[in-house]
């Protein structure tokens, strides 16, 4: 079992985990909307979210926890604790909705520190291309539960869209970057393709 260091405020992380025993985490659009709702209510008050993709057996997030204020320094508000609590809240709801018991997520949740600018763009593209890579859709752009369209759009969003577009030099660069070959993950710890079924 990998040993990951705690999430640190002010750092950018690619976070990913999959279902325990390779079970599906999301069996319907309702499940995925509930997960995104928990991201909004539990993570966004203390973190900035830059990219995401929810598949069937796993998810990807690119996020950065903000530096805490004095009242946020309690142990329960530590970034890793906030993330774990969000996942536990989803697992409880999923188990209740689907009549199951036990752990839903593989533990610990995986995280990779992303430091270099070229890593940031590569991770964003990697996250968005996952539905096509896994054979869920023939074209990743038709997958609903990804941040790709929100970043290209001019509509209001709580994603860190302007920062993401800056990494790519604007919308044109962002769109063009998604038309090349599949990038490899930033770190082998997130290379779930080697461990999961091709269609998950």
Protein backbone atom coordinates (compact mmCIF):
# COMPACT_ATOMS: atom_id res chain seq x y z
CA UNK A 1 0.00 0.00 0.00
CA UNK A 2 1.52 3.37 -1.01
CA UNK A 3 2.34 5.85 1.73
CA UNK A 4 1.32 9.37 0.70
CA UNK A 5 2.28 12.50 2.65
CA UNK A 6 -0.55 14.72 3.92
CA UNK A 7 -1.92 17.40 1.62
CA UNK A 8 -0.26 20.74 2.28
CA UNK A 9 -1.97 24.15 1.91
CA UNK A 10 -0.77 26.23 -1.01
CA UNK A 11 0.38 23.23 -3.05
CA UNK A 12 -1.21 21.85 -6.23
CA UNK A 13 -2.26 18.19 -6.17
CA UNK A 14 -3.56 15.68 -8.65
CA UNK A 15 -5.89 13.59 -6.49
CA UNK A 16 -7.31 10.30 -7.65
CA UNK A 17 -8.74 7.17 -6.14
CA UNK A 18 -10.82 4.24 -7.26
CA UNK A 19 -13.43 1.95 -5.83
CA UNK A 20 -12.47 -0.62 -3.22
CA UNK A 21 -11.97 -4.04 -4.86
CA UNK A 22 -12.33 -2.22 -8.20
CA UNK A 23 -16.04 -1.59 -7.60
CA UNK A 24 -17.78 1.28 -9.33
CA UNK A 25 -17.94 4.55 -7.42
CA UNK A 26 -20.59 5.98 -9.72
CA UNK A 27 -23.40 3.92 -11.20
CA UNK A 28 -25.56 6.80 -12.43
CA UNK A 29 -25.53 10.49 -13.24
CA UNK A 30 -27.27 11.02 -9.90
CA UNK A 31 -24.21 9.60 -8.13
CA UNK A 32 -21.87 11.86 -10.07
CA UNK A 33 -23.98 14.97 -9.42
CA UNK A 34 -24.02 14.14 -5.71
CA UNK A 35 -20.24 13.80 -5.67
CA UNK A 36 -19.82 17.16 -7.41
CA UNK A 37 -22.26 18.69 -4.95
CA UNK A 38 -20.10 17.47 -2.08
CA UNK A 39 -17.01 18.87 -3.79
CA UNK A 40 -18.76 22.22 -3.95
CA UNK A 41 -20.00 22.21 -0.35
CA UNK A 42 -17.03 20.52 1.35
CA UNK A 43 -13.96 21.38 -0.75
CA UNK A 44 -14.57 24.71 -2.45
CA UNK A 45 -14.91 26.70 0.79
CA UNK A 46 -11.25 25.83 1.52
CA UNK A 47 -9.74 24.83 -1.84
CA UNK A 48 -9.54 25.88 -5.48
CA UNK A 49 -10.56 23.25 -8.03
CA UNK A 50 -8.98 23.49 -11.48
CA UNK A 51 -9.95 20.30 -13.29
CA UNK A 52 -11.97 17.15 -12.66
CA UNK A 53 -13.31 14.03 -14.31
CA UNK A 54 -15.67 11.45 -12.83
CA UNK A 55 -15.64 8.07 -14.54
CA UNK A 56 -17.17 4.84 -13.23
CA UNK A 57 -14.62 3.24 -10.95
CA UNK A 58 -12.49 6.30 -10.21
CA UNK A 59 -12.20 10.08 -10.35
CA UNK A 60 -9.52 12.72 -10.92
CA UNK A 61 -9.27 16.16 -9.30
CA UNK A 62 -6.67 18.89 -9.70
CA UNK A 63 -6.90 21.16 -6.68
CA UNK A 64 -5.04 23.42 -4.30
CA UNK A 65 -6.04 23.98 -0.68
CA UNK A 66 -5.81 27.60 0.34
CA UNK A 67 -3.70 28.77 3.26
CA UNK A 68 -5.97 28.53 6.34
CA UNK A 69 -7.11 31.45 8.41
CA UNK A 70 -6.56 31.33 12.19
CA UNK A 71 -10.03 29.85 12.85
CA UNK A 72 -9.41 27.12 10.25
CA UNK A 73 -6.32 25.70 11.97
CA UNK A 74 -8.19 23.02 13.97
CA UNK A 75 -6.99 19.44 13.17
CA UNK A 76 -10.35 18.61 11.60
CA UNK A 77 -9.80 21.35 9.04
CA UNK A 78 -6.45 20.01 7.79
CA UNK A 79 -6.59 19.49 4.00
CA UNK A 80 -6.21 15.70 4.13
CA UNK A 81 -8.95 15.53 6.78
CA UNK A 82 -11.29 17.70 4.71
CA UNK A 83 -10.70 15.47 1.68
CA UNK A 84 -11.22 12.28 3.68
CA UNK A 85 -14.40 13.64 5.25
CA UNK A 86 -15.80 14.52 1.83
CA UNK A 87 -15.09 11.01 0.54
CA UNK A 88 -16.63 9.47 3.67
CA UNK A 89 -19.77 11.57 3.23
CA UNK A 90 -20.11 10.35 -0.34
CA UNK A 91 -19.49 6.73 0.68
CA UNK A 92 -22.21 6.88 3.35
CA UNK A 93 -24.73 8.26 0.88
CA UNK A 94 -23.74 5.79 -1.83
CA UNK A 95 -24.02 2.83 0.53
CA UNK A 96 -27.44 4.00 1.70
CA UNK A 97 -28.71 4.57 -1.85
CA UNK A 98 -27.41 1.25 -3.16
CA UNK A 99 -27.97 -1.01 -0.16
CA UNK A 100 -24.33 -1.85 0.38
CA UNK A 101 -21.97 -1.85 3.36
CA UNK A 102 -18.28 -1.42 3.94
CA UNK A 103 -15.52 0.69 2.46
CA UNK A 104 -16.28 2.23 -0.91
CA UNK A 105 -12.93 3.84 -1.71
CA UNK A 106 -9.52 2.28 -1.97
CA UNK A 107 -7.38 3.80 0.79
CA UNK A 108 -5.43 5.92 1.11
CA UNK A 109 -6.64 8.27 -1.60
CA UNK A 110 -3.84 8.92 -4.07
CA UNK A 111 -2.26 12.31 -4.46
CA UNK A 112 0.69 13.65 -6.43
CA UNK A 113 2.27 17.05 -5.88
CA UNK A 114 2.39 19.03 -9.13
CA UNK A 115 5.08 21.71 -9.20
CA UNK A 116 6.25 22.40 -12.74
CA UNK A 117 4.16 24.49 -15.21
CA UNK A 118 4.53 21.84 -17.92
CA UNK A 119 3.18 19.27 -15.46
CA UNK A 120 0.08 21.37 -14.86
CA UNK A 121 -0.94 21.44 -18.51
CA UNK A 122 -0.16 17.76 -18.93
CA UNK A 123 -2.25 16.79 -15.91
CA UNK A 124 -5.23 18.85 -17.08
CA UNK A 125 -5.18 17.20 -20.51
CA UNK A 126 -4.67 13.77 -18.96
CA UNK A 127 -7.70 14.27 -16.70
CA UNK A 128 -9.97 15.40 -19.53
CA UNK A 129 -8.99 12.61 -21.92
CA UNK A 130 -9.76 9.82 -19.44
CA UNK A 131 -13.30 8.97 -20.65
CA UNK A 132 -12.01 8.34 -24.17
CA UNK A 133 -8.91 6.54 -22.91
CA UNK A 134 -11.11 4.11 -20.97
CA UNK A 135 -13.50 3.52 -23.86
CA UNK A 136 -16.51 5.12 -22.16
CA UNK A 137 -17.08 7.40 -25.17
CA UNK A 138 -15.46 7.62 -28.63
CA UNK A 139 -14.73 11.33 -28.08
CA UNK A 140 -13.85 12.72 -24.64
CA UNK A 141 -15.71 15.94 -25.47
CA UNK A 142 -19.04 14.10 -25.26
CA UNK A 143 -18.46 13.10 -21.62
CA UNK A 144 -20.58 15.26 -19.32
CA UNK A 145 -18.82 14.90 -15.98
CA UNK A 146 -15.58 16.68 -16.73
CA UNK A 147 -14.36 20.25 -16.40
CA UNK A 148 -13.38 20.51 -20.09
CA UNK A 149 -16.49 22.37 -21.28
CA UNK A 150 -16.69 24.66 -18.25
CA UNK A 151 -13.12 25.81 -18.88
CA UNK A 152 -13.84 26.54 -22.54
CA UNK A 153 -17.14 28.25 -21.75
CA UNK A 154 -17.72 31.86 -20.79
CA UNK A 155 -20.50 30.90 -18.38
CA UNK A 156 -20.03 31.43 -14.63
CA UNK A 157 -18.10 28.65 -12.89
CA UNK A 158 -16.51 28.03 -9.52
CA UNK A 159 -13.53 26.37 -11.19
CA UNK A 160 -10.24 28.27 -11.32
CA UNK A 161 -10.84 28.76 -15.04
CA UNK A 162 -8.78 31.89 -15.64
CA UNK A 163 -5.74 30.36 -13.98
CA UNK A 164 -6.10 27.20 -16.09
CA UNK A 165 -6.42 29.20 -19.30
CA UNK A 166 -3.30 31.16 -18.36
CA UNK A 167 -1.35 27.90 -18.16
CA UNK A 168 -2.29 27.19 -21.79
CA UNK A 169 -1.94 30.76 -23.09
CA UNK A 170 -5.71 31.18 -23.55
CA UNK A 171 -8.72 29.24 -24.84
CA UNK A 172 -7.16 28.47 -28.20
CA UNK A 173 -4.09 26.91 -26.62
CA UNK A 174 -6.29 25.00 -24.18
CA UNK A 175 -8.43 23.53 -26.97
CA UNK A 176 -5.45 22.71 -29.20
CA UNK A 177 -3.60 20.97 -26.38
CA UNK A 178 -6.40 18.39 -26.16
CA UNK A 179 -6.05 17.25 -29.77
CA UNK A 180 -2.66 15.52 -29.56
CA UNK A 181 -1.54 12.14 -28.28
CA UNK A 182 -2.61 10.93 -24.85
CA UNK A 183 -0.24 12.27 -22.20
CA UNK A 184 1.12 9.96 -19.56
CA UNK A 185 0.13 10.68 -15.95
CA UNK A 186 2.39 12.98 -14.00
CA UNK A 187 3.35 10.14 -11.69
CA UNK A 188 3.11 6.32 -11.91
CA UNK A 189 1.13 6.34 -8.65
CA UNK A 190 -1.84 7.66 -10.65
CA UNK A 191 -1.48 5.27 -13.60
CA UNK A 192 -4.66 3.36 -12.83
CA UNK A 193 -4.81 2.02 -16.39
CA UNK A 194 -2.35 -0.65 -15.33
CA UNK A 195 -4.62 -1.78 -12.51
CA UNK A 196 -8.22 -1.39 -13.63
CA UNK A 197 -10.41 -2.83 -16.35
CA UNK A 198 -10.26 -1.06 -19.74
CA UNK A 199 -13.86 0.10 -19.51
CA UNK A 200 -13.85 1.53 -15.98
